[in-house]
Amino acid sequence: QVQLVESGGGLVQAGGSLRLSCTASRSISSSLAMGWYRQAPGKERELVAVISSDTIYYADSVKGRFTISRDNAKMDLRMNSLKPEDTAMYYCATPSSSGVEYWGQGTQVTVSS
């Protein structure tokens, strides 16, 4: 079992920045992916970014603005040039080819216009 705990969400004005962090309860092999998802009210949960030892992926909507990084049991998401459409609950997770095994409880990001 792995517990994932997110932190760093909050309220920010459009154009501002936030850094989200995810801390795992134990070390996760770098060959296994960790990632961030988000879900806005009334919308489906979507993949934002993923990182593993050989892969970094960003959704088109955040490319050039968000940066994912990882160090052992901790993963960060640096979010710059935030837009109101980035408003969502952000979840840390461990995605794989067979689905997501672990989810965090989520942290709210709200971007005001």
C-alpha atoms as a PDB file:
ATOM      1  CA  GLN A   1       0.000   0.000   0.000  1.00  0.00           C
ATOM      2  CA  VAL A   2       1.085   3.526  -0.779  1.00  0.00           C
ATOM      3  CA  GLN A   3      -0.484   6.662   0.602  1.00  0.00           C
ATOM      4  CA  LEU A   4      -0.157   9.800  -1.492  1.00  0.00           C
ATOM      5  CA  VAL A   5      -0.595  13.205   0.112  1.00  0.00           C
ATOM      6  CA  GLU A   6      -0.881  16.385  -1.930  1.00  0.00           C
ATOM      7  CA  SER A   7      -0.217  19.915  -0.745  1.00  0.00           C
ATOM      8  CA  GLY A   8       0.250  23.381  -2.179  1.00  0.00           C
ATOM      9  CA  GLY A   9      -3.120  24.185  -3.675  1.00  0.00           C
ATOM     10  CA  GLY A  10      -4.838  27.493  -3.144  1.00  0.00           C
ATOM     11  CA  LEU A  11      -6.303  30.609  -4.692  1.00  0.00           C
ATOM     12  CA  VAL A  12      -4.251  32.605  -7.166  1.00  0.00           C
ATOM     13  CA  GLN A  13      -4.915  35.290  -9.731  1.00  0.00           C
ATOM     14  CA  ALA A  14      -4.652  34.570 -13.437  1.00  0.00           C
ATOM     15  CA  GLY A  15      -1.047  34.765 -14.536  1.00  0.00           C
ATOM     16  CA  GLY A  16       0.200  33.662 -11.143  1.00  0.00           C
ATOM     17  CA  SER A  17       2.063  30.556 -10.056  1.00  0.00           C
ATOM     18  CA  LEU A  18       1.607  27.680  -7.647  1.00  0.00           C
ATOM     19  CA  ARG A  19       3.630  24.630  -6.773  1.00  0.00           C
ATOM     20  CA  LEU A  20       1.904  21.407  -5.875  1.00  0.00           C
ATOM     21  CA  SER A  21       3.705  18.664  -3.998  1.00  0.00           C
ATOM     22  CA  CYS A  22       2.908  14.998  -3.573  1.00  0.00           C
ATOM     23  CA  THR A  23       4.588  12.912  -0.908  1.00  0.00           C
ATOM     24  CA  ALA A  24       4.383   9.143  -0.977  1.00  0.00           C
ATOM     25  CA  SER A  25       4.405   7.062   2.191  1.00  0.00           C
ATOM     26  CA  ARG A  26       7.286   5.011   0.832  1.00  0.00           C
ATOM     27  CA  SER A  27       9.820   5.204  -1.944  1.00  0.00           C
ATOM     28  CA  ILE A  28       8.476   4.416  -5.400  1.00  0.00           C
ATOM     29  CA  SER A  29      10.815   3.047  -8.033  1.00  0.00           C
ATOM     30  CA  SER A  30      11.691   5.692 -10.591  1.00  0.00           C
ATOM     31  CA  SER A  31      10.823   3.193 -13.317  1.00  0.00           C
ATOM     32  CA  LEU A  32       7.198   3.424 -12.168  1.00  0.00           C
ATOM     33  CA  ALA A  33       5.225   6.427 -13.255  1.00  0.00           C
ATOM     34  CA  MET A  34       3.789   9.086 -11.026  1.00  0.00           C
ATOM     35  CA  GLY A  35       1.527  11.780 -12.287  1.00  0.00           C
ATOM     36  CA  TRP A  36      -0.979  14.544 -11.759  1.00  0.00           C
ATOM     37  CA  TYR A  37      -4.607  14.487 -12.773  1.00  0.00           C
ATOM     38  CA  ARG A  38      -7.223  17.191 -12.376  1.00  0.00           C
ATOM     39  CA  GLN A  39     -10.972  17.380 -12.333  1.00  0.00           C
ATOM     40  CA  ALA A  40     -12.982  20.536 -12.780  1.00  0.00           C
ATOM     41  CA  PRO A  41     -16.631  20.758 -11.695  1.00  0.00           C
ATOM     42  CA  GLY A  42     -18.863  19.023 -14.202  1.00  0.00           C
ATOM     43  CA  LYS A  43     -15.938  17.638 -16.169  1.00  0.00           C
ATOM     44  CA  GLU A  44     -14.167  14.308 -16.370  1.00  0.00           C
ATOM     45  CA  ARG A  45     -10.871  13.769 -14.633  1.00  0.00           C
ATOM     46  CA  GLU A  46      -7.987  14.401 -17.022  1.00  0.00           C
ATOM     47  CA  LEU A  47      -4.304  13.585 -17.044  1.00  0.00           C
ATOM     48  CA  VAL A  48      -2.121  16.662 -16.636  1.00  0.00           C
ATOM     49  CA  ALA A  49       1.440  15.352 -16.455  1.00  0.00           C
ATOM     50  CA  VAL A  50       3.336  12.107 -15.904  1.00  0.00           C
ATOM     51  CA  ILE A  51       6.938  11.380 -15.011  1.00  0.00           C
ATOM     52  CA  SER A  52       8.997   8.199 -14.879  1.00  0.00           C
ATOM     53  CA  SER A  53      12.663   7.374 -15.350  1.00  0.00           C
ATOM     54  CA  ASP A  54      12.359   7.568 -19.141  1.00  0.00           C
ATOM     55  CA  THR A  55       9.229   9.593 -19.782  1.00  0.00           C
ATOM     56  CA  ILE A  56       7.807  13.021 -19.131  1.00  0.00           C
ATOM     57  CA  TYR A  57       4.396  13.776 -20.559  1.00  0.00           C
ATOM     58  CA  TYR A  58       2.304  16.922 -20.494  1.00  0.00           C
ATOM     59  CA  ALA A  59      -1.214  17.500 -21.676  1.00  0.00           C
ATOM     60  CA  ASP A  60      -1.305  19.999 -24.531  1.00  0.00           C
ATOM     61  CA  SER A  61      -3.272  22.412 -22.383  1.00  0.00           C
ATOM     62  CA  VAL A  62      -0.401  22.804 -19.904  1.00  0.00           C
ATOM     63  CA  LYS A  63       2.692  22.417 -22.092  1.00  0.00           C
ATOM     64  CA  GLY A  64       5.122  25.259 -21.616  1.00  0.00           C
ATOM     65  CA  ARG A  65       3.415  26.391 -18.408  1.00  0.00           C
ATOM     66  CA  PHE A  66       3.635  23.408 -16.044  1.00  0.00           C
ATOM     67  CA  THR A  67       6.761  21.516 -15.011  1.00  0.00           C
ATOM     68  CA  ILE A  68       6.714  18.125 -13.319  1.00  0.00           C
ATOM     69  CA  SER A  69       9.632  16.899 -11.253  1.00  0.00           C
ATOM     70  CA  ARG A  70      10.318  14.018  -8.942  1.00  0.00           C
ATOM     71  CA  ASP A  71      12.807  13.050  -6.271  1.00  0.00           C
ATOM     72  CA  ASN A  72      12.443   9.648  -4.657  1.00  0.00           C
ATOM     73  CA  ALA A  73       9.136   9.708  -2.741  1.00  0.00           C
ATOM     74  CA  LYS A  74       8.234  13.287  -3.602  1.00  0.00           C
ATOM     75  CA  MET A  75       6.801  14.734  -6.797  1.00  0.00           C
ATOM     76  CA  ASP A  76       6.169  18.387  -7.600  1.00  0.00           C
ATOM     77  CA  LEU A  77       4.142  20.236 -10.206  1.00  0.00           C
ATOM     78  CA  ARG A  78       5.227  23.790 -10.825  1.00  0.00           C
ATOM     79  CA  MET A  79       2.401  25.723 -12.450  1.00  0.00           C
ATOM     80  CA  ASN A  80       3.112  29.083 -14.085  1.00  0.00           C
ATOM     81  CA  SER A  81       0.960  31.469 -16.107  1.00  0.00           C
ATOM     82  CA  LEU A  82      -2.139  30.013 -14.523  1.00  0.00           C
ATOM     83  CA  LYS A  83      -5.461  30.502 -16.261  1.00  0.00           C
ATOM     84  CA  PRO A  84      -9.015  30.354 -14.895  1.00  0.00           C
ATOM     85  CA  GLU A  85      -9.496  27.134 -16.868  1.00  0.00           C
ATOM     86  CA  ASP A  86      -6.791  25.521 -14.730  1.00  0.00           C
ATOM     87  CA  THR A  87      -9.200  25.674 -11.790  1.00  0.00           C
ATOM     88  CA  ALA A  88      -9.760  22.114 -10.593  1.00  0.00           C
ATOM     89  CA  MET A  89      -9.071  19.569  -7.914  1.00  0.00           C
ATOM     90  CA  TYR A  90      -5.598  18.211  -8.563  1.00  0.00           C
ATOM     91  CA  TYR A  91      -4.772  14.610  -7.704  1.00  0.00           C
ATOM     92  CA  CYS A  92      -1.481  12.826  -7.354  1.00  0.00           C
ATOM     93  CA  ALA A  93      -1.545   9.255  -8.688  1.00  0.00           C
ATOM     94  CA  THR A  94       0.439   6.282  -9.870  1.00  0.00           C
ATOM     95  CA  PRO A  95      -0.713   5.583 -13.428  1.00  0.00           C
ATOM     96  CA  SER A  96       0.213   2.421 -15.297  1.00  0.00           C
ATOM     97  CA  SER A  97      -0.821   0.554 -18.410  1.00  0.00           C
ATOM     98  CA  SER A  98      -3.454  -1.258 -16.328  1.00  0.00           C
ATOM     99  CA  GLY A  99      -4.867   1.860 -14.705  1.00  0.00           C
ATOM    100  CA  VAL A 100      -4.199   3.933 -11.625  1.00  0.00           C
ATOM    101  CA  GLU A 101      -3.310   1.947  -8.535  1.00  0.00           C
ATOM    102  CA  TYR A 102      -3.076   4.732  -5.970  1.00  0.00           C
ATOM    103  CA  TRP A 103      -4.717   8.149  -5.676  1.00  0.00           C
ATOM    104  CA  GLY A 104      -4.157  11.020  -3.326  1.00  0.00           C
ATOM    105  CA  GLN A 105      -7.037  12.858  -1.721  1.00  0.00           C
ATOM    106  CA  GLY A 106      -6.632  15.921  -3.932  1.00  0.00           C
ATOM    107  CA  THR A 107      -5.771  19.566  -3.482  1.00  0.00           C
ATOM    108  CA  GLN A 108      -7.888  22.431  -4.805  1.00  0.00           C
ATOM    109  CA  VAL A 109      -6.473  24.983  -7.210  1.00  0.00           C
ATOM    110  CA  THR A 110      -8.593  28.031  -7.946  1.00  0.00           C
ATOM    111  CA  VAL A 111      -7.502  30.661 -10.463  1.00  0.00           C
ATOM    112  CA  SER A 112      -9.429  33.921 -10.449  1.00  0.00           C
ATOM    113  CA  SER A 113      -9.745  36.093 -13.525  1.00  0.00           C
END
